[in-house]
Protein backbone atom coordinates (compact mmCIF):
# COMPACT_ATOMS: atom_id res chain seq x y z
CA MET A 1 -0.56 -28.64 36.52
CA ALA A 2 -0.48 -32.45 37.74
CA ILE A 3 -2.31 -33.68 40.96
CA VAL A 4 -1.29 -36.46 43.11
CA ASP A 5 -3.02 -38.11 45.64
CA ASP A 6 -2.20 -41.14 47.39
CA VAL A 7 -5.16 -43.06 47.19
CA ILE A 8 -8.73 -42.23 45.44
CA SER A 9 -11.16 -44.07 46.41
CA THR A 10 -15.07 -41.34 46.42
CA GLY A 11 -12.75 -38.91 43.98
CA ALA A 12 -14.01 -36.26 46.87
CA SER A 13 -10.99 -35.33 47.93
CA THR A 14 -9.32 -35.03 44.26
CA GLY A 15 -12.63 -33.56 42.98
CA ALA A 16 -11.88 -30.69 45.33
CA ALA A 17 -8.98 -29.90 44.96
CA LEU A 18 -9.86 -30.01 40.95
CA ARG A 19 -12.24 -27.12 41.24
CA LEU A 20 -9.91 -25.02 44.21
CA LEU A 21 -6.92 -25.02 41.68
CA ARG A 22 -9.00 -24.21 38.32
CA ARG A 23 -10.64 -21.47 40.81
CA VAL A 24 -7.34 -19.61 40.74
CA GLY A 25 -6.57 -20.46 36.93
CA ALA A 26 -4.28 -23.66 36.99
CA GLU A 27 -4.65 -25.88 34.39
CA VAL A 28 -4.39 -29.80 35.52
CA CYS A 29 -3.31 -31.55 32.73
CA VAL A 30 -3.14 -35.23 35.37
CA ILE A 31 -3.57 -36.86 37.91
CA GLY A 32 -1.49 -39.72 39.77
CA THR A 33 -2.27 -41.64 42.15
CA LEU A 34 -0.69 -44.68 43.90
CA VAL A 35 -4.24 -47.08 43.97
CA THR A 36 -7.71 -46.29 42.88
CA GLU A 37 -10.60 -47.88 45.24
CA ALA A 38 -13.06 -49.63 42.82
CA SER A 39 -14.79 -46.90 40.50
CA LEU A 40 -16.99 -44.63 42.42
CA TRP A 41 -14.39 -42.39 41.92
CA LYS A 42 -15.44 -42.33 38.17
CA GLU A 43 -18.44 -40.68 38.27
CA ALA A 44 -17.70 -38.25 41.13
CA LEU A 45 -15.09 -37.27 38.90
CA GLY A 46 -16.56 -37.45 35.53
CA GLU A 47 -14.89 -36.53 32.44
CA ASP A 48 -11.98 -35.55 34.58
CA ALA A 49 -11.25 -39.62 35.26
CA ALA A 50 -9.75 -39.65 32.25
CA MET A 51 -6.55 -37.74 33.32
CA VAL A 52 -6.39 -39.95 36.67
CA HIS A 53 -3.18 -42.71 36.41
CA ALA A 54 -2.81 -45.25 38.86
CA LEU A 55 -0.04 -47.53 39.78
CA GLY A 56 -3.17 -49.91 40.98
CA SER A 57 -6.87 -50.63 41.74
CA ILE A 58 -7.93 -52.46 43.99
CA PRO A 59 -11.61 -53.97 45.07
CA VAL A 60 -13.79 -53.28 48.61
CA PHE A 61 -14.71 -56.11 50.12
CA ARG A 62 -18.46 -56.64 51.69
CA PRO A 63 -20.05 -59.29 53.72
CA ASP A 64 -22.23 -61.70 52.08
CA ARG A 65 -25.17 -63.69 53.66
CA SER A 66 -22.53 -66.33 55.26
CA GLY A 67 -20.37 -63.60 55.90
CA ALA A 68 -17.57 -64.48 54.07
CA PHE A 69 -16.01 -61.06 52.77
CA VAL A 70 -16.19 -60.33 48.72
CA GLU A 71 -14.39 -58.39 46.44
CA ASP A 72 -17.01 -55.27 44.99
CA TRP A 73 -15.28 -53.43 42.00
CA VAL A 74 -18.04 -50.64 41.58
CA GLY A 75 -18.36 -49.59 45.61
């Protein structure tokens, strides 16, 4: 079974899909996504993060002390 998601950001919806599918006996072997955002999702998915295959990844942006936006790859 494969899970396909548009964007994986926190990993919450992907984790919920994994739990639901496993509860009904499915064996998920791959998770596909267009893009991952930052990296919080890796901790949320734990070992299942290794199944994620993305076309790209983007940071989130946070304002710094001067008000300019800077990349945040952690999240």
